[in-house]
C-alpha atoms as a PDB file:
ATOM      1  CA  MET A   1      18.577 -11.571 120.603  1.00  0.00           C
ATOM      2  CA  ARG A   2      18.314 -13.837 117.572  1.00  0.00           C
ATOM      3  CA  ALA A   3      16.957 -10.965 115.486  1.00  0.00           C
ATOM      4  CA  ILE A   4      19.925  -8.712 116.371  1.00  0.00           C
ATOM      5  CA  VAL A   5      22.443 -11.390 115.363  1.00  0.00           C
ATOM      6  CA  THR A   6      20.564 -12.004 112.096  1.00  0.00           C
ATOM      7  CA  ILE A   7      20.479  -8.284 111.246  1.00  0.00           C
ATOM      8  CA  LEU A   8      24.182  -7.958 112.070  1.00  0.00           C
ATOM      9  CA  ALA A   9      25.023 -10.950 109.836  1.00  0.00           C
ATOM     10  CA  ILE A  10      23.010  -9.459 106.956  1.00  0.00           C
ATOM     11  CA  VAL A  11      24.821  -6.093 107.330  1.00  0.00           C
ATOM     12  CA  VAL A  12      28.214  -7.861 107.266  1.00  0.00           C
ATOM     13  CA  VAL A  13      27.270  -9.841 104.135  1.00  0.00           C
ATOM     14  CA  ILE A  14      26.038  -6.665 102.385  1.00  0.00           C
ATOM     15  CA  ALA A  15      29.303  -4.882 103.284  1.00  0.00           C
ATOM     16  CA  ILE A  16      31.390  -7.755 101.885  1.00  0.00           C
ATOM     17  CA  VAL A  17      29.385  -7.813  98.648  1.00  0.00           C
ATOM     18  CA  ALA A  18      29.660  -4.021  98.280  1.00  0.00           C
ATOM     19  CA  VAL A  19      33.445  -4.099  98.653  1.00  0.00           C
ATOM     20  CA  ALA A  20      33.834  -7.148  96.374  1.00  0.00           C
ATOM     21  CA  THR A  21      31.803  -5.599  93.526  1.00  0.00           C
ATOM     22  CA  GLY A  22      33.575  -2.255  93.757  1.00  0.00           C
ATOM     23  CA  PHE A  23      30.471  -0.375  94.879  1.00  0.00           C
ATOM     24  CA  VAL A  24      32.425   0.775  97.955  1.00  0.00           C
ATOM     25  CA  ASN A  25      36.032   1.857  97.459  1.00  0.00           C
ATOM     26  CA  LEU A  26      38.146   1.580 100.610  1.00  0.00           C
ATOM     27  CA  HIS A  27      41.276   3.359  99.416  1.00  0.00           C
ATOM     28  CA  GLY A  28      42.752   6.112 101.484  1.00  0.00           C
ATOM     29  CA  ASN A  29      45.930   8.106 101.682  1.00  0.00           C
ATOM     30  CA  SER A  30      48.624   7.282 104.148  1.00  0.00           C
ATOM     31  CA  GLY A  31      49.119   9.453 107.175  1.00  0.00           C
ATOM     32  CA  GLN A  32      52.187  11.458 108.022  1.00  0.00           C
ATOM     33  CA  LEU A  33      54.017  11.950 111.277  1.00  0.00           C
ATOM     34  CA  PRO A  34      54.159  15.496 112.558  1.00  0.00           C
ATOM     35  CA  SER A  35      57.423  17.332 112.131  1.00  0.00           C
ATOM     36  CA  VAL A  36      59.172  18.246 115.346  1.00  0.00           C
ATOM     37  CA  ALA A  37      61.934  20.841 115.659  1.00  0.00           C
ATOM     38  CA  VAL A  38      64.211  21.012 118.667  1.00  0.00           C
ATOM     39  CA  SER A  39      66.448  23.989 119.201  1.00  0.00           C
ATOM     40  CA  GLY A  40      68.464  25.529 121.997  1.00  0.00           C
ATOM     41  CA  GLY A  41      68.708  24.167 125.461  1.00  0.00           C
ATOM     42  CA  LYS A  42      71.199  24.410 128.277  1.00  0.00           C
ATOM     43  CA  LEU A  43      72.533  21.914 130.754  1.00  0.00           C
ATOM     44  CA  PRO A  44      72.067  22.735 134.418  1.00  0.00           C
ATOM     45  CA  THR A  45      75.081  24.031 136.310  1.00  0.00           C
ATOM     46  CA  VAL A  46      76.061  22.616 139.694  1.00  0.00           C
ATOM     47  CA  ASN A  47      78.537  24.087 142.158  1.00  0.00           C
ATOM     48  CA  ALA A  48      79.785  21.699 144.823  1.00  0.00           C
ATOM     49  CA  ASP A  49      82.204  22.343 147.679  1.00  0.00           C
ATOM     50  CA  VAL A  50      83.954  19.065 148.436  1.00  0.00           C
ATOM     51  CA  GLY A  51      86.725  18.082 150.825  1.00  0.00           C
ATOM     52  CA  SER A  52      90.139  16.835 149.803  1.00  0.00           C
ATOM     53  CA  VAL A  53      91.794  13.466 150.343  1.00  0.00           C
ATOM     54  CA  ASP A  54      95.560  13.099 150.786  1.00  0.00           C
ATOM     55  CA  VAL A  55      97.104   9.694 150.062  1.00  0.00           C
ATOM     56  CA  GLY A  56     100.662   8.914 151.075  1.00  0.00           C
ATOM     57  CA  THR A  57     102.939   6.670 153.153  1.00  0.00           C
ATOM     58  CA  LYS A  58     104.773   6.943 156.446  1.00  0.00           C
ATOM     59  CA  THR A  59     107.271   4.686 158.148  1.00  0.00           C
ATOM     60  CA  THR A  60     106.083   2.923 161.318  1.00  0.00           C
ATOM     61  CA  LYS A  61     107.390  -0.052 163.318  1.00  0.00           C
ATOM     62  CA  VAL A  62     105.050  -3.033 163.183  1.00  0.00           C
ATOM     63  CA  ASP A  63     105.402  -6.495 164.812  1.00  0.00           C
ATOM     64  CA  VAL A  64     105.718  -9.095 162.045  1.00  0.00           C
ATOM     65  CA  PRO A  65     105.614 -12.825 162.903  1.00  0.00           C
ATOM     66  CA  LYS A  66     108.541 -14.955 161.724  1.00  0.00           C
ATOM     67  CA  VAL A  67     107.543 -18.210 160.013  1.00  0.00           C
ATOM     68  CA  GLU A  68     109.974 -21.079 159.539  1.00  0.00           C
ATOM     69  CA  THR A  69     109.489 -24.260 157.565  1.00  0.00           C
ATOM     70  CA  VAL A  70     111.041 -27.585 158.533  1.00  0.00           C
ATOM     71  CA  LYS A  71     111.264 -30.670 156.279  1.00  0.00           C
ATOM     72  CA  LYS A  72     110.342 -34.024 157.807  1.00  0.00           C
ATOM     73  CA  ASP A  73     110.143 -37.532 156.354  1.00  0.00           C
ATOM     74  CA  VAL A  74     106.511 -38.576 156.015  1.00  0.00           C
ATOM     75  CA  ALA A  75     105.070 -41.729 154.399  1.00  0.00           C
ATOM     76  CA  VAL A  76     102.744 -40.806 151.527  1.00  0.00           C
ATOM     77  CA  PRO A  77     100.591 -43.185 149.478  1.00  0.00           C
ATOM     78  CA  THR A  78     101.685 -44.041 145.943  1.00  0.00           C
ATOM     79  CA  VAL A  79      99.815 -45.330 142.910  1.00  0.00           C
ATOM     80  CA  THR A  80     101.468 -47.360 140.177  1.00  0.00           C
ATOM     81  CA  VAL A  81      99.778 -48.044 136.836  1.00  0.00           C
ATOM     82  CA  ASN A  82     101.013 -50.998 134.779  1.00  0.00           C
ATOM     83  CA  LYS A  83     100.124 -51.096 131.086  1.00  0.00           C
ATOM     84  CA  PRO A  84      98.649 -54.377 129.787  1.00  0.00           C
ATOM     85  CA  GLN A  85     101.054 -56.567 127.847  1.00  0.00           C
END
């Protein structure tokens, strides 16, 4: 195990030295995305038979409760604030 790690370390050091001295040139050209062309196409058609809804009004007699309000005298609490003098 120790021998494998030592050999791997030596290979890494040799690679670093080769790149640093210019013996190995790591320049490449940039890639390019593929060109994609889209043409034509058609949306799907849908035929649907649906019912109809009629909205309107009609006059009907409805019982409506009658509410009356009555005023009474009731004692309510009060708060008085006096400013300091």
